[in-house]
Protein backbone atom coordinates (compact mmCIF):
# COMPACT_ATOMS: atom_id res chain seq x y z
CA UNK A 1 0.00 0.00 0.00
CA UNK A 2 1.22 3.47 -0.90
CA UNK A 3 -0.27 6.83 0.03
CA UNK A 4 0.23 9.93 -2.12
CA UNK A 5 -0.13 13.49 -0.84
CA UNK A 6 -0.16 16.54 -3.11
CA UNK A 7 2.47 18.93 -1.79
CA UNK A 8 3.90 22.41 -2.29
CA UNK A 9 7.41 21.10 -1.55
CA UNK A 10 9.51 17.97 -1.39
CA UNK A 11 9.43 17.33 2.37
CA UNK A 12 6.95 16.14 4.99
CA UNK A 13 6.83 19.60 6.58
CA UNK A 14 5.67 21.12 3.26
CA UNK A 15 2.05 22.17 3.02
CA UNK A 16 -0.57 20.28 1.09
CA UNK A 17 -0.94 21.61 -2.43
CA UNK A 18 -4.69 21.85 -2.81
CA UNK A 19 -4.51 21.42 -6.60
CA UNK A 20 -4.44 17.74 -7.54
CA UNK A 21 -3.54 18.08 -11.22
CA UNK A 22 -1.32 21.11 -10.89
CA UNK A 23 0.39 20.38 -7.58
CA UNK A 24 4.13 20.99 -7.38
CA UNK A 25 5.03 17.61 -5.85
CA UNK A 26 3.65 14.28 -4.81
CA UNK A 27 4.91 12.83 -1.56
CA UNK A 28 4.46 9.06 -1.85
CA UNK A 29 4.83 7.18 1.42
CA UNK A 30 4.89 3.55 2.37
CA UNK A 31 3.01 3.46 5.70
CA UNK A 32 4.68 0.23 6.84
CA UNK A 33 8.26 1.46 6.46
CA UNK A 34 7.54 5.22 6.75
CA UNK A 35 9.88 5.70 3.78
CA UNK A 36 8.79 8.32 1.28
CA UNK A 37 9.82 9.86 -1.98
CA UNK A 38 9.03 13.29 -3.36
CA UNK A 39 8.25 13.37 -7.06
CA UNK A 40 7.98 16.63 -8.94
CA UNK A 41 4.74 16.81 -10.92
CA UNK A 42 5.89 16.93 -14.54
CA UNK A 43 2.32 17.65 -15.67
CA UNK A 44 1.77 20.77 -13.56
CA UNK A 45 2.20 23.11 -16.53
CA UNK A 46 0.37 21.05 -19.15
CA UNK A 47 -2.11 22.95 -21.27
CA UNK A 48 -4.90 20.37 -21.37
CA UNK A 49 -5.85 17.09 -19.72
CA UNK A 50 -3.68 17.64 -16.67
CA UNK A 51 -6.02 15.95 -14.19
CA UNK A 52 -6.33 12.87 -16.39
CA UNK A 53 -2.56 12.62 -16.89
CA UNK A 54 -1.88 13.00 -13.18
CA UNK A 55 -4.59 10.50 -12.24
CA UNK A 56 -3.06 7.94 -14.59
CA UNK A 57 0.39 8.66 -13.11
CA UNK A 58 -1.01 7.95 -9.62
CA UNK A 59 -2.61 4.71 -10.84
CA UNK A 60 0.65 3.63 -12.50
CA UNK A 61 2.59 4.27 -9.25
CA UNK A 62 0.42 1.73 -7.42
CA UNK A 63 -1.03 4.22 -4.96
CA UNK A 64 -3.95 3.03 -2.80
CA UNK A 65 -4.99 6.40 -1.34
CA UNK A 66 -4.45 10.05 -2.17
CA UNK A 67 -4.74 13.10 0.08
CA UNK A 68 -5.35 16.39 -1.71
CA UNK A 69 -7.51 19.50 -1.78
CA UNK A 70 -9.27 19.78 -5.14
CA UNK A 71 -9.91 16.95 -7.62
CA UNK A 72 -11.83 17.56 -10.84
CA UNK A 73 -14.43 15.27 -12.40
CA UNK A 74 -12.22 13.63 -15.04
CA UNK A 75 -9.44 12.80 -12.60
CA UNK A 76 -11.79 11.56 -9.90
CA UNK A 77 -13.45 9.24 -12.39
CA UNK A 78 -10.11 7.57 -13.17
CA UNK A 79 -9.13 7.35 -9.49
CA UNK A 80 -12.50 5.86 -8.53
CA UNK A 81 -12.35 3.35 -11.35
CA UNK A 82 -8.89 2.25 -10.17
CA UNK A 83 -10.16 1.82 -6.60
CA UNK A 84 -7.96 4.58 -5.20
CA UNK A 85 -9.40 6.18 -2.06
CA UNK A 86 -9.46 9.98 -2.11
CA UNK A 87 -9.26 12.09 1.06
CA UNK A 88 -9.73 15.82 1.37
CA UNK A 89 -7.34 18.00 3.36
CA UNK A 90 -6.06 21.55 3.10
CA UNK A 91 -4.12 24.23 4.96
CA UNK A 92 -2.01 21.68 6.85
CA UNK A 93 1.39 20.07 6.33
CA UNK A 94 1.88 16.74 4.61
CA UNK A 95 2.96 15.29 7.96
CA UNK A 96 -0.24 16.51 9.66
CA UNK A 97 -2.35 15.18 6.80
CA UNK A 98 -0.76 11.75 7.14
CA UNK A 99 -1.27 11.77 10.92
CA UNK A 100 -4.93 12.70 10.39
CA UNK A 101 -5.27 9.94 7.79
CA UNK A 102 -3.92 7.29 10.15
CA UNK A 103 -6.21 8.55 12.93
CA UNK A 104 -9.25 8.36 10.62
CA UNK A 105 -9.83 12.12 10.78
CA UNK A 106 -9.86 12.91 7.03
CA UNK A 107 -13.02 13.11 4.96
CA UNK A 108 -13.19 10.44 2.22
CA UNK A 109 -14.69 11.66 -1.06
CA UNK A 110 -15.92 9.97 -4.22
CA UNK A 111 -17.17 12.95 -6.22
CA UNK A 112 -15.34 16.07 -7.42
CA UNK A 113 -14.09 18.31 -4.65
CA UNK A 114 -14.78 21.99 -5.24
CA UNK A 115 -11.83 24.41 -5.01
CA UNK A 116 -11.79 26.83 -2.12
CA UNK A 117 -12.68 30.46 -2.85
CA UNK A 118 -9.15 31.70 -2.11
CA UNK A 119 -7.68 29.73 -5.02
């Protein structure tokens, strides 16, 4: 099992990037070993189809759950079809989001998450 978190930076103390498709980084963690890798999102500046490309990237990485802020309808469709659980979090660090995930405090979603007004 792997968990991916959209992030503004490449470390656990970075804040969640609320934009799924256009996030700066993905922090992918193995919850058993606590090892993680930060992967720069190569699709963040794509003109079209970003959410779909990123969703397929997440599927290909073998991720079981993703923690993010906003997920659009095309991306969420791919994630749902692949059986990837989607959790909503924002305005906290990646580390806090993971702690909340393990404590069952994050809201699981299965439909598009609306962006916050300040985006």
